[in-house]
């Protein structure tokens, strides 16, 4: 019962299945549904930023050790899921949704 309640709370914030961020596709206005955040970081480790976004978005995020890098962001009034997708695009990452867990992985090189 508790798991069902958590799933229902998270449903508007994350996609049902598949990838959170669609590569090379423009999202329609209003498609991001996450909580609005202001974020100002300089040279922050992306592991730390994703941890922060998991707290704000109330989701579970797994970032393996092979995903590494720094990010500098200054964003005002942006949905947390749009922030996550922006970081993923800059670092060529994929964010896959599996239930209530988001898995951040490196994208395979383009052919």
N, C-alpha and C. Protein backbone atom coordinates (compact mmCIF):
# COMPACT_ATOMS: atom_id res chain seq x y z
N UNK A 1 0.82 -1.19 0.00
CA UNK A 1 0.00 0.00 0.00
C UNK A 1 0.87 1.27 0.00
N UNK A 2 1.93 1.25 0.83
CA UNK A 2 2.82 2.40 0.90
C UNK A 2 3.52 2.63 -0.44
N UNK A 3 3.96 1.54 -1.09
CA UNK A 3 4.62 1.67 -2.39
C UNK A 3 3.67 2.26 -3.43
N UNK A 4 2.41 1.88 -3.37
CA UNK A 4 1.42 2.42 -4.30
C UNK A 4 1.25 3.92 -4.08
N UNK A 5 1.20 4.35 -2.84
CA UNK A 5 1.05 5.76 -2.54
C UNK A 5 2.25 6.55 -3.04
N UNK A 6 3.46 6.00 -2.87
CA UNK A 6 4.67 6.67 -3.36
C UNK A 6 4.64 6.76 -4.87
N UNK A 7 4.25 5.67 -5.53
CA UNK A 7 4.19 5.67 -7.00
C UNK A 7 3.20 6.70 -7.50
N UNK A 8 2.06 6.84 -6.84
CA UNK A 8 1.06 7.81 -7.27
C UNK A 8 1.55 9.23 -7.07
N UNK A 9 2.33 9.47 -6.02
CA UNK A 9 2.88 10.81 -5.80
C UNK A 9 3.92 11.17 -6.84
N UNK A 10 4.69 10.18 -7.28
CA UNK A 10 5.77 10.44 -8.23
C UNK A 10 5.29 10.47 -9.67
N UNK A 11 4.15 9.92 -9.95
CA UNK A 11 3.68 9.78 -11.33
C UNK A 11 3.70 11.08 -12.12
N UNK A 12 3.25 12.22 -11.57
CA UNK A 12 3.30 13.43 -12.38
C UNK A 12 4.71 13.94 -12.63
N UNK A 13 5.66 13.60 -11.77
CA UNK A 13 6.99 14.16 -11.86
C UNK A 13 7.89 13.42 -12.84
N UNK A 14 7.66 12.12 -13.05
CA UNK A 14 8.53 11.37 -13.93
C UNK A 14 7.72 10.58 -14.94
N UNK A 15 8.37 10.23 -16.01
CA UNK A 15 7.70 9.45 -17.05
C UNK A 15 7.39 8.05 -16.54
N UNK A 16 6.43 7.39 -17.14
CA UNK A 16 6.03 6.05 -16.71
C UNK A 16 7.12 5.01 -16.94
N UNK A 17 7.74 5.04 -18.10
CA UNK A 17 8.80 4.08 -18.40
C UNK A 17 9.63 4.65 -19.53
N UNK A 18 10.82 4.10 -19.71
CA UNK A 18 11.67 4.55 -20.80
C UNK A 18 12.62 5.63 -20.36
N UNK A 19 12.86 6.58 -21.24
CA UNK A 19 13.86 7.61 -20.98
C UNK A 19 13.20 8.91 -20.56
N UNK A 20 13.76 9.53 -19.53
CA UNK A 20 13.23 10.80 -19.03
C UNK A 20 13.46 11.92 -20.04
N UNK A 21 14.63 11.93 -20.65
CA UNK A 21 15.00 12.99 -21.59
C UNK A 21 15.12 12.40 -22.99
N UNK A 22 14.42 12.97 -23.91
CA UNK A 22 14.47 12.49 -25.28
C UNK A 22 15.62 13.16 -26.01
N UNK A 23 16.59 12.40 -26.51
CA UNK A 23 17.74 13.01 -27.17
C UNK A 23 17.35 13.71 -28.46
N UNK A 24 17.96 14.86 -28.70
CA UNK A 24 17.79 15.62 -29.94
C UNK A 24 16.33 15.95 -30.25
N UNK A 25 15.52 16.04 -29.23
CA UNK A 25 14.11 16.38 -29.45
C UNK A 25 13.75 17.58 -28.57
N UNK A 26 13.04 18.49 -29.13
CA UNK A 26 12.58 19.64 -28.37
C UNK A 26 11.32 19.23 -27.61
N UNK A 27 11.30 19.53 -26.33
CA UNK A 27 10.12 19.20 -25.54
C UNK A 27 9.09 20.32 -25.70
N UNK A 28 7.85 19.93 -25.75
CA UNK A 28 6.77 20.91 -25.86
C UNK A 28 6.69 21.73 -24.58
N UNK A 29 6.26 22.96 -24.72
CA UNK A 29 6.10 23.84 -23.57
C UNK A 29 5.19 23.17 -22.53
N UNK A 30 5.62 23.19 -21.29
CA UNK A 30 4.82 22.62 -20.22
C UNK A 30 4.98 21.13 -20.03
N UNK A 31 5.88 20.50 -20.76
CA UNK A 31 6.05 19.06 -20.63
C UNK A 31 6.79 18.67 -19.36
N UNK A 32 7.66 19.54 -18.87
CA UNK A 32 8.35 19.27 -17.61
C UNK A 32 7.38 19.51 -16.47
N UNK A 33 7.30 18.55 -15.56
CA UNK A 33 6.29 18.61 -14.51
C UNK A 33 6.88 18.68 -13.11
N UNK A 34 8.20 18.69 -12.99
CA UNK A 34 8.84 18.63 -11.68
C UNK A 34 8.71 19.91 -10.88
N UNK A 35 9.08 19.80 -9.61
CA UNK A 35 9.08 20.97 -8.71
C UNK A 35 10.04 22.02 -9.25
N UNK A 36 9.67 23.27 -9.09
CA UNK A 36 10.48 24.39 -9.57
C UNK A 36 11.64 24.63 -8.61
N UNK A 37 12.85 24.83 -9.19
CA UNK A 37 14.03 25.08 -8.37
C UNK A 37 14.80 26.28 -8.89
N UNK A 38 15.54 26.91 -7.99
CA UNK A 38 16.57 27.89 -8.32
C UNK A 38 17.89 27.20 -7.99
N UNK A 39 18.82 27.21 -8.90
CA UNK A 39 20.07 26.50 -8.69
C UNK A 39 21.23 27.35 -9.18
N UNK A 40 22.21 27.58 -8.31
CA UNK A 40 23.38 28.36 -8.65
C UNK A 40 24.60 27.64 -8.11
N UNK A 41 25.30 26.91 -8.99
CA UNK A 41 26.49 26.17 -8.58
C UNK A 41 27.61 26.43 -9.58
N UNK A 42 28.85 26.38 -9.10
CA UNK A 42 30.00 26.59 -9.97
C UNK A 42 30.98 25.44 -9.76
N UNK A 43 31.28 24.72 -10.85
CA UNK A 43 32.22 23.62 -10.78
C UNK A 43 31.78 22.50 -9.87
N UNK A 44 30.47 22.27 -9.79
CA UNK A 44 29.93 21.24 -8.90
C UNK A 44 30.03 19.86 -9.55
N UNK A 45 30.34 18.86 -8.76
CA UNK A 45 30.38 17.49 -9.23
C UNK A 45 28.96 17.07 -9.62
N UNK A 46 28.80 16.44 -10.79
CA UNK A 46 27.44 16.09 -11.22
C UNK A 46 26.79 15.05 -10.31
N UNK A 47 27.57 14.24 -9.62
CA UNK A 47 26.99 13.32 -8.64
C UNK A 47 26.25 14.11 -7.55
N UNK A 48 26.88 15.18 -7.08
CA UNK A 48 26.27 15.99 -6.03
C UNK A 48 25.02 16.71 -6.53
N UNK A 49 25.08 17.20 -7.76
CA UNK A 49 23.92 17.91 -8.32
C UNK A 49 22.75 16.94 -8.51
N UNK A 50 23.02 15.74 -9.03
CA UNK A 50 21.94 14.76 -9.18
C UNK A 50 21.37 14.35 -7.82
N UNK A 51 22.21 14.27 -6.79
CA UNK A 51 21.71 13.97 -5.43
C UNK A 51 20.76 15.08 -4.96
N UNK A 52 21.14 16.31 -5.21
CA UNK A 52 20.29 17.44 -4.85
C UNK A 52 18.96 17.37 -5.60
N UNK A 53 19.01 17.07 -6.90
CA UNK A 53 17.79 16.97 -7.70
C UNK A 53 16.91 15.82 -7.22
N UNK A 54 17.52 14.72 -6.75
CA UNK A 54 16.71 13.61 -6.24
C UNK A 54 15.95 14.02 -5.00
N UNK A 55 16.56 14.87 -4.16
CA UNK A 55 15.86 15.37 -2.97
C UNK A 55 14.71 16.29 -3.36
N UNK A 56 14.97 17.20 -4.28
CA UNK A 56 13.94 18.16 -4.70
C UNK A 56 12.80 17.44 -5.40
N UNK A 57 13.13 16.50 -6.29
CA UNK A 57 12.12 15.79 -7.07
C UNK A 57 11.50 14.61 -6.36
N UNK A 58 12.05 14.30 -5.18
CA UNK A 58 11.56 13.15 -4.39
C UNK A 58 11.54 11.88 -5.22
N UNK A 59 12.68 11.65 -5.90
CA UNK A 59 12.86 10.44 -6.71
C UNK A 59 14.18 9.79 -6.31
N UNK A 60 14.34 8.54 -6.69
CA UNK A 60 15.58 7.82 -6.47
C UNK A 60 16.42 7.96 -7.74
N UNK A 61 17.68 8.36 -7.58
CA UNK A 61 18.57 8.50 -8.73
C UNK A 61 19.83 7.70 -8.46
N UNK A 62 20.22 6.90 -9.46
CA UNK A 62 21.45 6.12 -9.38
C UNK A 62 22.41 6.67 -10.43
N UNK A 63 23.60 7.08 -9.98
CA UNK A 63 24.63 7.61 -10.87
C UNK A 63 25.89 6.76 -10.67
N UNK A 64 26.24 5.92 -11.64
CA UNK A 64 27.42 5.07 -11.47
C UNK A 64 28.72 5.87 -11.51
N UNK A 65 29.79 5.24 -11.05
CA UNK A 65 31.09 5.91 -10.97
C UNK A 65 31.66 6.30 -12.33
N UNK A 66 31.28 5.61 -13.40
CA UNK A 66 31.82 5.96 -14.72
C UNK A 66 31.20 7.24 -15.28
N UNK A 67 30.15 7.72 -14.64
CA UNK A 67 29.57 9.02 -14.99
C UNK A 67 30.26 10.05 -14.11
N UNK A 68 31.01 10.94 -14.73
CA UNK A 68 31.77 11.91 -13.95
C UNK A 68 31.82 13.23 -14.70
N UNK A 69 32.05 14.28 -13.96
CA UNK A 69 32.20 15.59 -14.57
C UNK A 69 31.78 16.68 -13.61
N UNK A 70 32.03 17.89 -14.05
CA UNK A 70 31.67 19.08 -13.28
C UNK A 70 30.66 19.87 -14.09
N UNK A 71 29.87 20.67 -13.38
CA UNK A 71 28.87 21.47 -14.06
C UNK A 71 28.75 22.82 -13.35
N UNK A 72 28.55 23.86 -14.13
CA UNK A 72 28.28 25.19 -13.61
C UNK A 72 26.91 25.60 -14.13
N UNK A 73 26.02 25.92 -13.20
CA UNK A 73 24.64 26.26 -13.54
C UNK A 73 24.20 27.50 -12.79
N UNK A 74 23.43 28.33 -13.43
CA UNK A 74 22.71 29.40 -12.75
C UNK A 74 21.33 29.43 -13.38
N UNK A 75 20.39 28.83 -12.69
CA UNK A 75 19.03 28.67 -13.22
C UNK A 75 18.03 29.19 -12.21
N UNK A 76 17.02 29.86 -12.69
CA UNK A 76 15.95 30.39 -11.83
C UNK A 76 14.61 29.88 -12.33
N UNK A 77 13.83 29.35 -11.39
CA UNK A 77 12.47 28.90 -11.64
C UNK A 77 12.41 27.89 -12.80
N UNK A 78 13.17 26.81 -12.67
CA UNK A 78 13.22 25.76 -13.68
C UNK A 78 12.79 24.44 -13.03
N UNK A 79 11.93 23.65 -13.68
CA UNK A 79 11.55 22.35 -13.12
C UNK A 79 12.77 21.45 -12.95
N UNK A 80 12.82 20.70 -11.86
CA UNK A 80 13.99 19.87 -11.57
C UNK A 80 14.27 18.88 -12.69
N UNK A 81 13.21 18.34 -13.34
CA UNK A 81 13.44 17.37 -14.40
C UNK A 81 14.05 18.03 -15.64
N UNK A 82 13.75 19.30 -15.87
CA UNK A 82 14.39 20.02 -16.96
C UNK A 82 15.86 20.25 -16.65
N UNK A 83 16.18 20.55 -15.40
CA UNK A 83 17.58 20.69 -14.99
C UNK A 83 18.33 19.39 -15.24
N UNK A 84 17.73 18.26 -14.82
CA UNK A 84 18.36 16.95 -15.01
C UNK A 84 18.59 16.67 -16.49
N UNK A 85 17.62 16.97 -17.32
CA UNK A 85 17.75 16.73 -18.76
C UNK A 85 18.79 17.66 -19.38
N UNK A 86 18.91 18.87 -18.89
CA UNK A 86 19.91 19.80 -19.39
C UNK A 86 21.31 19.31 -19.07
N UNK A 87 21.52 18.86 -17.83
CA UNK A 87 22.82 18.31 -17.44
C UNK A 87 23.12 17.07 -18.29
N UNK A 88 22.12 16.23 -18.48
CA UNK A 88 22.30 15.02 -19.29
C UNK A 88 22.70 15.37 -20.72
N UNK A 89 22.09 16.39 -21.29
CA UNK A 89 22.41 16.78 -22.67
C UNK A 89 23.84 17.31 -22.77
N UNK A 90 24.24 18.13 -21.81
CA UNK A 90 25.58 18.72 -21.84
C UNK A 90 26.66 17.66 -21.70
N UNK A 91 26.41 16.66 -20.88
CA UNK A 91 27.41 15.62 -20.62
C UNK A 91 27.16 14.33 -21.41
N UNK A 92 26.26 14.39 -22.38
CA UNK A 92 25.92 13.22 -23.21
C UNK A 92 25.54 12.02 -22.36
N UNK A 93 24.54 12.22 -21.50
CA UNK A 93 24.06 11.17 -20.62
C UNK A 93 22.63 10.80 -20.98
N UNK A 94 22.23 9.61 -20.56
CA UNK A 94 20.84 9.17 -20.69
C UNK A 94 20.29 8.99 -19.28
N UNK A 95 19.02 9.30 -19.10
CA UNK A 95 18.36 9.09 -17.82
C UNK A 95 17.18 8.15 -18.09
N UNK A 96 17.34 6.90 -17.69
CA UNK A 96 16.30 5.89 -17.90
C UNK A 96 15.44 5.75 -16.65
N UNK A 97 14.14 5.61 -16.87
CA UNK A 97 13.19 5.46 -15.78
C UNK A 97 12.83 3.99 -15.64
N UNK A 98 13.00 3.47 -14.44
CA UNK A 98 12.63 2.08 -14.14
C UNK A 98 11.84 2.12 -12.84
N UNK A 99 10.52 2.16 -12.96
CA UNK A 99 9.69 2.30 -11.76
C UNK A 99 9.90 3.67 -11.15
N UNK A 100 10.30 3.68 -9.87
CA UNK A 100 10.55 4.97 -9.22
C UNK A 100 12.05 5.24 -9.09
N UNK A 101 12.84 4.61 -9.95
CA UNK A 101 14.29 4.80 -9.94
C UNK A 101 14.73 5.39 -11.29
N UNK A 102 15.53 6.44 -11.23
CA UNK A 102 16.12 7.03 -12.42
C UNK A 102 17.57 6.58 -12.48
N UNK A 103 17.98 6.00 -13.60
CA UNK A 103 19.34 5.51 -13.78
C UNK A 103 20.04 6.40 -14.80
N UNK A 104 21.10 7.07 -14.35
CA UNK A 104 21.88 7.95 -15.22
C UNK A 104 23.05 7.15 -15.78
N UNK A 105 23.16 7.11 -17.11
CA UNK A 105 24.24 6.37 -17.77
C UNK A 105 24.83 7.20 -18.90
N UNK A 106 26.01 6.82 -19.34
CA UNK A 106 26.63 7.46 -20.49
C UNK A 106 25.91 7.00 -21.76
N UNK A 107 25.73 7.92 -22.69
CA UNK A 107 25.18 7.55 -24.00
C UNK A 107 26.28 6.92 -24.83
N UNK A 108 25.92 5.91 -25.63
CA UNK A 108 26.93 5.37 -26.53
C UNK A 108 27.34 6.43 -27.55
N UNK A 109 28.58 6.40 -28.01
CA UNK A 109 29.01 7.39 -29.01
C UNK A 109 28.15 7.30 -30.28
N UNK A 110 27.88 8.47 -30.86
CA UNK A 110 27.10 8.52 -32.10
C UNK A 110 27.93 7.94 -33.25
N UNK A 111 27.25 7.26 -34.15
CA UNK A 111 27.96 6.66 -35.30
C UNK A 111 27.94 7.58 -36.48
